[in-house]
Amino acid sequence: MSERKCNPKENKPMLDPRIILWPNRILSKVAEEETAFDEKLKTITNTLKEVLTNVRSYGLAACQIGEKARVFIVALSPEDEPDQEQQKDFFSKELRVFVNPSIVTTGGRPVETEEYCLSFPGIGVKVKSRYPGVTIAAYDETGLPFQENFVGFNAVIIQHELAHLNGKTILDEAGTAKRTLIRSKMRKIAKMLKQ
């Protein structure tokens, strides 16, 4: 979940070419459960880490790099709501891999958040379905199970990435008028990237 920067000289979004953009159909597919913690999974998680570090974003799901695996990675902030200095210092964050994640419990009432997505560069959507707290059960990349509580900004990022694994994007959260605008912007982005 991130807002991408633009290259001011070319007025093009700065993209890692491995990131899948909407309307690629893989973004609307439900991810497949991982059953083997093998070299293939290790390659996927390493690529996720590499791409996320390259773009200095908050989270990335496997479908966003063209993989059907039920895996995502997040750059956890050391505090619930990171301040601007913490957001700038990407390398102070903990990169955490979630394999076959599920929400065990939610805390609080859903809140409205402004969310961005690497598959929709520079486009923000108001999302009203995120809980301020979640308990997640998952496996790490080595196959060790864990269950952990997340609150605030970290909880929102995790729910955003989990939505990707369920075939949902910020486009699904947008109203009709906003969807039309997003589709138009994405067509313009696709044209810019082809130039």
Protein backbone atom coordinates (compact mmCIF):
# COMPACT_ATOMS: atom_id res chain seq x y z
CA MET A 1 0.00 0.00 0.00
CA SER A 2 1.76 3.11 -1.18
CA GLU A 3 1.68 6.20 -3.28
CA ARG A 4 4.29 6.01 -5.99
CA LYS A 5 6.44 8.94 -6.95
CA CYS A 6 6.77 10.21 -10.50
CA ASN A 7 9.95 10.83 -12.43
CA PRO A 8 9.66 14.63 -12.92
CA LYS A 9 11.78 14.64 -16.08
CA GLU A 10 9.60 12.12 -17.87
CA ASN A 11 6.32 12.60 -15.93
CA LYS A 12 6.05 8.80 -15.69
CA PRO A 13 5.34 6.79 -12.55
CA MET A 14 8.52 5.21 -11.18
CA LEU A 15 7.67 1.53 -11.34
CA ASP A 16 9.47 -1.68 -10.67
CA PRO A 17 8.75 -3.60 -13.88
CA ARG A 18 7.88 -6.72 -11.87
CA ILE A 19 4.79 -5.06 -10.38
CA ILE A 20 1.54 -6.10 -12.04
CA LEU A 21 -0.82 -3.23 -12.83
CA TRP A 22 -4.60 -3.30 -13.03
CA PRO A 23 -6.44 -4.58 -15.13
CA ASN A 24 -4.32 -7.75 -15.11
CA ARG A 25 -6.70 -10.58 -14.19
CA ILE A 26 -4.39 -12.10 -11.58
CA LEU A 27 -5.31 -9.18 -9.29
CA SER A 28 -8.93 -10.41 -9.19
CA LYS A 29 -8.10 -14.09 -8.52
CA VAL A 30 -8.21 -15.67 -5.07
CA ALA A 31 -4.68 -16.78 -4.18
CA GLU A 32 -3.86 -20.46 -3.78
CA GLU A 33 -2.91 -21.89 -0.37
CA GLU A 34 0.75 -22.75 -0.01
CA THR A 35 1.38 -26.39 0.90
CA ALA A 36 5.15 -26.59 0.48
CA PHE A 37 7.74 -24.36 2.08
CA ASP A 38 10.26 -25.00 -0.66
CA GLU A 39 12.60 -23.20 -3.06
CA LYS A 40 9.69 -21.87 -5.13
CA LEU A 41 8.19 -20.17 -2.08
CA LYS A 42 11.61 -18.89 -1.08
CA THR A 43 12.04 -17.36 -4.54
CA ILE A 44 8.62 -15.68 -4.27
CA THR A 45 9.32 -14.24 -0.81
CA ASN A 46 12.79 -13.05 -1.85
CA THR A 47 11.31 -11.32 -4.90
CA LEU A 48 8.63 -9.69 -2.73
CA LYS A 49 11.31 -8.39 -0.35
CA GLU A 50 13.45 -7.13 -3.22
CA VAL A 51 10.59 -5.32 -4.97
CA LEU A 52 9.18 -3.84 -1.76
CA THR A 53 12.63 -2.57 -0.80
CA ASN A 54 13.15 -1.18 -4.31
CA VAL A 55 9.92 0.85 -4.26
CA ARG A 56 10.09 1.57 -0.50
CA SER A 57 6.43 0.87 0.02
CA TYR A 58 4.42 -0.59 2.90
CA GLY A 59 3.19 -3.91 1.54
CA LEU A 60 3.09 -6.19 -1.47
CA ALA A 61 1.09 -9.32 -2.26
CA ALA A 62 2.33 -12.19 -4.43
CA CYS A 63 -0.35 -11.53 -7.06
CA GLN A 64 1.21 -8.09 -7.58
CA ILE A 65 4.33 -9.77 -8.93
CA GLY A 66 2.37 -12.30 -11.00
CA GLU A 67 2.32 -15.19 -8.51
CA LYS A 68 -0.81 -17.06 -7.39
CA ALA A 69 0.66 -17.87 -3.97
CA ARG A 70 -1.21 -16.91 -0.80
CA VAL A 71 1.67 -14.77 0.45
CA PHE A 72 2.27 -11.11 1.21
CA ILE A 73 4.96 -9.01 2.82
CA VAL A 74 4.64 -5.85 4.89
CA ALA A 75 7.13 -3.30 6.18
CA LEU A 76 5.94 -3.05 9.78
CA SER A 77 6.23 0.34 11.40
CA PRO A 78 7.73 0.31 14.89
CA GLU A 79 4.73 2.24 16.22
CA ASP A 80 0.99 2.13 15.58
CA GLU A 81 0.93 5.38 13.59
CA PRO A 82 4.36 6.15 12.17
CA ASP A 83 5.35 9.79 12.05
CA GLN A 84 6.72 11.36 8.87
CA GLU A 85 10.36 10.70 9.81
CA GLN A 86 9.69 6.99 10.39
CA GLN A 87 7.83 6.76 7.08
CA LYS A 88 10.83 8.26 5.28
CA ASP A 89 13.26 5.81 6.88
CA PHE A 90 12.12 2.64 5.13
CA PHE A 91 15.11 0.62 6.27
CA SER A 92 14.17 1.00 9.96
CA LYS A 93 11.08 -1.13 9.33
CA GLU A 94 10.77 -4.84 9.87
CA LEU A 95 9.92 -6.78 6.70
CA ARG A 96 7.50 -9.54 7.66
CA VAL A 97 6.30 -12.37 5.42
CA PHE A 98 2.78 -13.79 5.87
CA VAL A 99 2.05 -17.18 4.27
CA ASN A 100 -1.56 -18.47 4.21
CA PRO A 101 -2.72 -15.64 6.50
CA SER A 102 -6.20 -15.37 7.96
CA ILE A 103 -7.93 -12.96 10.30
CA VAL A 104 -8.69 -14.59 13.64
CA THR A 105 -10.38 -11.58 15.25
CA THR A 106 -10.94 -7.90 14.59
CA GLY A 107 -10.94 -5.05 17.09
CA GLY A 108 -13.03 -1.90 17.04
CA ARG A 109 -15.40 -0.61 14.39
CA PRO A 110 -14.31 -0.21 10.78
CA VAL A 111 -12.62 3.12 10.09
CA GLU A 112 -12.18 5.15 6.93
CA THR A 113 -8.66 5.23 5.53
CA GLU A 114 -7.08 6.77 2.44
CA GLU A 115 -5.27 3.94 0.67
CA TYR A 116 -2.92 3.71 -2.29
CA CYS A 117 -1.81 0.63 -4.15
CA LEU A 118 1.27 -0.21 -6.20
CA SER A 119 -0.99 -1.78 -8.84
CA PHE A 120 -2.81 1.58 -9.20
CA PRO A 121 0.10 4.07 -9.19
CA GLY A 122 -0.67 7.46 -7.69
CA ILE A 123 -4.37 6.70 -7.15
CA GLY A 124 -5.92 7.01 -3.71
CA VAL A 125 -9.26 5.61 -2.57
CA LYS A 126 -11.18 6.12 0.65
CA VAL A 127 -11.72 2.67 2.16
CA LYS A 128 -14.34 2.27 4.89
CA SER A 129 -13.94 -1.42 5.74
CA ARG A 130 -10.64 -1.59 7.67
CA TYR A 131 -10.58 -2.42 11.36
CA PRO A 132 -8.20 -0.54 13.68
CA GLY A 133 -7.03 -3.85 15.13
CA VAL A 134 -6.67 -7.41 13.81
CA THR A 135 -5.29 -10.72 15.05
CA ILE A 136 -3.66 -12.66 12.24
CA ALA A 137 -2.75 -16.33 12.06
CA ALA A 138 -0.15 -17.20 9.41
CA TYR A 139 3.13 -18.94 8.71
CA ASP A 140 6.49 -17.31 8.16
CA GLU A 141 8.54 -18.17 5.07
CA THR A 142 10.15 -21.14 6.84
CA GLY A 143 6.81 -22.73 7.73
CA LEU A 144 6.68 -21.67 11.39
CA PRO A 145 3.13 -20.76 12.46
CA PHE A 146 2.46 -17.55 14.34
CA GLN A 147 -0.47 -15.57 15.63
CA GLU A 148 -0.11 -11.88 16.38
CA ASN A 149 -2.12 -8.75 17.10
CA PHE A 150 -1.66 -5.65 14.93
CA VAL A 151 -3.14 -2.21 15.47
CA GLY A 152 -3.35 1.15 13.72
CA PHE A 153 -1.35 1.65 10.54
CA ASN A 154 0.08 -1.88 10.57
CA ALA A 155 -3.43 -3.39 10.87
CA VAL A 156 -4.62 -1.37 7.87
CA ILE A 157 -1.67 -2.43 5.70
CA ILE A 158 -2.20 -6.09 6.58
CA GLN A 159 -5.90 -5.92 5.73
CA HIS A 160 -5.08 -4.21 2.41
CA GLU A 161 -2.64 -6.99 1.46
CA LEU A 162 -4.98 -9.74 2.67
CA ALA A 163 -7.70 -8.27 0.44
CA HIS A 164 -5.30 -8.76 -2.51
CA LEU A 165 -5.02 -12.45 -1.64
CA ASN A 166 -8.81 -12.64 -1.78
CA GLY A 167 -8.91 -11.06 -5.25
CA LYS A 168 -9.98 -7.60 -4.05
CA THR A 169 -8.33 -4.25 -4.78
CA ILE A 170 -8.98 -0.62 -3.91
CA LEU A 171 -11.09 -0.47 -7.08
CA ASP A 172 -13.60 -2.76 -5.36
CA GLU A 173 -13.82 -0.25 -2.49
CA ALA A 174 -14.50 2.75 -4.74
CA GLY A 175 -17.92 4.16 -5.61
CA THR A 176 -19.20 4.15 -9.20
CA ALA A 177 -17.91 7.63 -10.12
CA LYS A 178 -14.51 6.96 -8.56
CA ARG A 179 -14.24 3.61 -10.40
CA THR A 180 -14.81 5.36 -13.71
CA LEU A 181 -12.12 7.92 -12.85
CA ILE A 182 -9.67 5.18 -11.78
CA ARG A 183 -10.21 3.24 -15.00
CA SER A 184 -9.55 6.39 -17.01
CA LYS A 185 -6.36 7.18 -15.06
CA MET A 186 -5.11 3.61 -15.47
CA ARG A 187 -5.62 3.79 -19.24
CA LYS A 188 -3.51 6.99 -19.29
CA ILE A 189 -0.81 5.32 -17.18
CA ALA A 190 -0.76 2.33 -19.55
CA LYS A 191 -0.27 4.70 -22.51
CA MET A 192 2.55 6.56 -20.72
CA LEU A 193 4.34 3.32 -19.91
CA LYS A 194 4.19 2.18 -23.54
CA GLN A 195 5.90 5.37 -24.75
